[in-house]
Amino acid sequence: MEVEVRFYGRVSETTGLSSAKYQDVKNIDALLNLLKGEFPKLQNLQYTMALNQVIINTNTTFKDGDIIAILPPFAGG
């Protein structure tokens, strides 16, 4: 199983990537553990996560081909 993670704004600046693909990551919690190990500075950032363009706030299980976006905080407008 493969998922794509897309990084935006300050998160992209912190990781140095706009996107990356990960194999055999089962859910949000596993992905966050992996990313925080790979990019320790993520622990100091605030961000929101979306799964297939839907904001998520709980541990969610992935399916092959899912796209996860890690978004910086939104400004009002």
N, C-alpha and C. Protein backbone atom coordinates (compact mmCIF):
# COMPACT_ATOMS: atom_id res chain seq x y z
N MET A 1 0.84 -1.17 0.00
CA MET A 1 0.00 0.00 0.00
C MET A 1 0.90 1.24 0.00
N GLU A 2 0.51 2.22 -0.81
CA GLU A 2 1.29 3.46 -0.89
C GLU A 2 0.35 4.65 -0.73
N VAL A 3 0.80 5.64 0.06
CA VAL A 3 0.07 6.89 0.22
C VAL A 3 1.01 8.03 -0.16
N GLU A 4 0.41 9.14 -0.58
CA GLU A 4 1.19 10.32 -0.91
C GLU A 4 0.91 11.39 0.14
N VAL A 5 1.97 12.01 0.62
CA VAL A 5 1.84 13.09 1.58
C VAL A 5 2.27 14.37 0.87
N ARG A 6 1.42 15.38 0.94
CA ARG A 6 1.74 16.67 0.34
C ARG A 6 1.92 17.69 1.46
N PHE A 7 3.01 18.42 1.37
CA PHE A 7 3.37 19.41 2.39
C PHE A 7 3.13 20.81 1.83
N TYR A 8 2.54 21.68 2.64
CA TYR A 8 2.22 23.03 2.19
C TYR A 8 2.80 24.07 3.14
N GLY A 9 3.08 25.26 2.60
CA GLY A 9 3.50 26.41 3.40
C GLY A 9 4.71 26.13 4.27
N ARG A 10 4.59 26.52 5.52
CA ARG A 10 5.69 26.38 6.47
C ARG A 10 6.08 24.91 6.67
N VAL A 11 5.13 24.01 6.54
CA VAL A 11 5.43 22.59 6.68
C VAL A 11 6.37 22.16 5.55
N SER A 12 6.11 22.63 4.35
CA SER A 12 6.97 22.33 3.21
C SER A 12 8.37 22.91 3.42
N GLU A 13 8.42 24.13 3.95
CA GLU A 13 9.72 24.76 4.24
C GLU A 13 10.50 23.95 5.27
N THR A 14 9.81 23.43 6.26
CA THR A 14 10.45 22.67 7.33
C THR A 14 10.99 21.33 6.83
N THR A 15 10.22 20.66 5.99
CA THR A 15 10.65 19.35 5.49
C THR A 15 11.57 19.46 4.28
N GLY A 16 11.48 20.57 3.56
CA GLY A 16 12.25 20.72 2.33
C GLY A 16 11.63 19.96 1.17
N LEU A 17 10.37 19.53 1.34
CA LEU A 17 9.68 18.75 0.31
C LEU A 17 8.31 19.34 0.02
N SER A 18 7.84 19.13 -1.19
CA SER A 18 6.45 19.48 -1.50
C SER A 18 5.56 18.24 -1.41
N SER A 19 6.17 17.06 -1.61
CA SER A 19 5.42 15.81 -1.47
C SER A 19 6.39 14.64 -1.30
N ALA A 20 5.85 13.55 -0.80
CA ALA A 20 6.62 12.31 -0.64
C ALA A 20 5.65 11.15 -0.62
N LYS A 21 6.14 9.99 -1.03
CA LYS A 21 5.31 8.78 -1.00
C LYS A 21 5.86 7.84 0.06
N TYR A 22 4.94 7.20 0.76
CA TYR A 22 5.31 6.28 1.84
C TYR A 22 4.60 4.94 1.63
N GLN A 23 5.33 3.89 1.90
CA GLN A 23 4.82 2.53 1.77
C GLN A 23 4.41 1.98 3.13
N ASP A 24 3.34 1.20 3.15
CA ASP A 24 2.94 0.43 4.33
C ASP A 24 2.73 1.26 5.59
N VAL A 25 2.21 2.46 5.44
CA VAL A 25 1.82 3.28 6.58
C VAL A 25 0.31 3.08 6.73
N LYS A 26 -0.11 2.56 7.86
CA LYS A 26 -1.50 2.12 8.02
C LYS A 26 -2.50 3.22 8.37
N ASN A 27 -2.03 4.26 9.13
CA ASN A 27 -2.99 5.25 9.61
C ASN A 27 -2.28 6.56 9.96
N ILE A 28 -3.07 7.55 10.36
CA ILE A 28 -2.53 8.88 10.68
C ILE A 28 -1.48 8.80 11.79
N ASP A 29 -1.78 8.08 12.86
CA ASP A 29 -0.82 8.01 13.97
C ASP A 29 0.53 7.45 13.52
N ALA A 30 0.49 6.39 12.72
CA ALA A 30 1.74 5.79 12.23
C ALA A 30 2.48 6.77 11.32
N LEU A 31 1.74 7.50 10.48
CA LEU A 31 2.36 8.48 9.60
C LEU A 31 3.00 9.60 10.40
N LEU A 32 2.30 10.11 11.40
CA LEU A 32 2.86 11.20 12.21
C LEU A 32 4.11 10.74 12.94
N ASN A 33 4.12 9.54 13.48
CA ASN A 33 5.34 9.02 14.13
C ASN A 33 6.50 8.94 13.15
N LEU A 34 6.22 8.47 11.96
CA LEU A 34 7.25 8.37 10.92
C LEU A 34 7.78 9.76 10.54
N LEU A 35 6.87 10.69 10.30
CA LEU A 35 7.27 12.03 9.87
C LEU A 35 8.03 12.78 10.96
N LYS A 36 7.59 12.66 12.20
CA LYS A 36 8.28 13.34 13.29
C LYS A 36 9.67 12.74 13.54
N GLY A 37 9.85 11.46 13.23
CA GLY A 37 11.17 10.86 13.30
C GLY A 37 12.07 11.36 12.17
N GLU A 38 11.48 11.49 10.99
CA GLU A 38 12.23 11.93 9.81
C GLU A 38 12.49 13.44 9.84
N PHE A 39 11.53 14.19 10.36
CA PHE A 39 11.60 15.66 10.41
C PHE A 39 11.28 16.14 11.83
N PRO A 40 12.23 16.05 12.75
CA PRO A 40 11.97 16.40 14.15
C PRO A 40 11.39 17.80 14.37
N LYS A 41 11.69 18.74 13.49
CA LYS A 41 11.17 20.10 13.66
C LYS A 41 9.66 20.19 13.48
N LEU A 42 9.04 19.15 12.91
CA LEU A 42 7.59 19.15 12.78
C LEU A 42 6.90 19.18 14.14
N GLN A 43 7.57 18.68 15.16
CA GLN A 43 6.97 18.65 16.49
C GLN A 43 6.71 20.05 17.02
N ASN A 44 7.40 21.05 16.49
CA ASN A 44 7.25 22.43 16.95
C ASN A 44 6.26 23.24 16.12
N LEU A 45 5.68 22.63 15.09
CA LEU A 45 4.76 23.35 14.21
C LEU A 45 3.31 22.99 14.48
N GLN A 46 2.44 23.94 14.24
CA GLN A 46 1.01 23.66 14.24
C GLN A 46 0.60 23.41 12.80
N TYR A 47 -0.26 22.43 12.61
CA TYR A 47 -0.74 22.12 11.26
C TYR A 47 -2.05 21.36 11.34
N THR A 48 -2.72 21.32 10.22
CA THR A 48 -3.97 20.57 10.06
C THR A 48 -3.70 19.50 9.01
N MET A 49 -4.41 18.39 9.14
CA MET A 49 -4.24 17.32 8.15
C MET A 49 -5.55 17.07 7.42
N ALA A 50 -5.42 16.77 6.14
CA ALA A 50 -6.58 16.42 5.33
C ALA A 50 -6.31 15.10 4.63
N LEU A 51 -7.33 14.28 4.53
CA LEU A 51 -7.25 13.00 3.83
C LEU A 51 -8.18 13.09 2.64
N ASN A 52 -7.62 13.01 1.45
CA ASN A 52 -8.40 13.13 0.22
C ASN A 52 -9.30 14.36 0.25
N GLN A 53 -8.73 15.49 0.64
CA GLN A 53 -9.35 16.81 0.64
C GLN A 53 -10.42 17.00 1.72
N VAL A 54 -10.41 16.14 2.74
CA VAL A 54 -11.33 16.28 3.86
C VAL A 54 -10.50 16.42 5.14
N ILE A 55 -10.71 17.52 5.88
CA ILE A 55 -9.98 17.75 7.12
C ILE A 55 -10.30 16.62 8.10
N ILE A 56 -9.26 16.09 8.74
CA ILE A 56 -9.47 15.01 9.72
C ILE A 56 -8.85 15.42 11.05
N ASN A 57 -9.47 14.94 12.12
CA ASN A 57 -9.00 15.24 13.47
C ASN A 57 -8.79 13.99 14.31
N THR A 58 -8.99 12.83 13.72
CA THR A 58 -8.84 11.58 14.46
C THR A 58 -7.93 10.63 13.68
N ASN A 59 -7.46 9.59 14.37
CA ASN A 59 -6.66 8.58 13.71
C ASN A 59 -7.53 7.87 12.67
N THR A 60 -7.12 7.93 11.43
CA THR A 60 -7.89 7.38 10.33
C THR A 60 -7.04 6.36 9.58
N THR A 61 -7.64 5.26 9.18
CA THR A 61 -6.93 4.21 8.45
C THR A 61 -6.86 4.58 6.97
N PHE A 62 -5.70 4.31 6.37
CA PHE A 62 -5.48 4.64 4.96
C PHE A 62 -5.86 3.49 4.04
N LYS A 63 -6.14 3.87 2.79
CA LYS A 63 -6.30 2.92 1.69
C LYS A 63 -5.22 3.23 0.66
N ASP A 64 -4.88 2.26 -0.14
CA ASP A 64 -3.87 2.46 -1.18
C ASP A 64 -4.26 3.64 -2.06
N GLY A 65 -3.31 4.54 -2.29
CA GLY A 65 -3.53 5.68 -3.16
C GLY A 65 -4.07 6.92 -2.47
N ASP A 66 -4.31 6.85 -1.16
CA ASP A 66 -4.79 8.03 -0.44
C ASP A 66 -3.78 9.17 -0.53
N ILE A 67 -4.30 10.39 -0.47
CA ILE A 67 -3.47 11.59 -0.47
C ILE A 67 -3.71 12.33 0.84
N ILE A 68 -2.63 12.55 1.56
CA ILE A 68 -2.69 13.24 2.84
C ILE A 68 -2.02 14.59 2.66
N ALA A 69 -2.72 15.65 3.02
CA ALA A 69 -2.16 17.00 2.96
C ALA A 69 -1.87 17.46 4.37
N ILE A 70 -0.69 18.05 4.56
CA ILE A 70 -0.34 18.64 5.84
C ILE A 70 -0.29 20.15 5.61
N LEU A 71 -1.23 20.84 6.24
CA LEU A 71 -1.49 22.24 5.95
C LEU A 71 -1.10 23.14 7.12
N PRO A 72 -0.53 24.30 6.83
CA PRO A 72 -0.24 25.26 7.90
C PRO A 72 -1.55 25.84 8.42
N PRO A 73 -1.51 26.54 9.55
CA PRO A 73 -2.73 27.16 10.06
C PRO A 73 -3.34 28.11 9.03
N PHE A 74 -4.66 28.15 9.02
CA PHE A 74 -5.37 29.02 8.10
C PHE A 74 -5.53 30.40 8.72
N ALA A 75 -5.42 31.41 7.90
CA ALA A 75 -5.67 32.79 8.36
C ALA A 75 -7.12 33.14 8.00
N GLY A 76 -7.73 33.99 8.79
CA GLY A 76 -9.10 34.41 8.52
C GLY A 76 -9.20 35.24 7.26
N GLY A 77 -10.43 35.43 6.81
CA GLY A 77 -10.55 36.24 5.61
C GLY A 77 -11.90 36.38 5.12
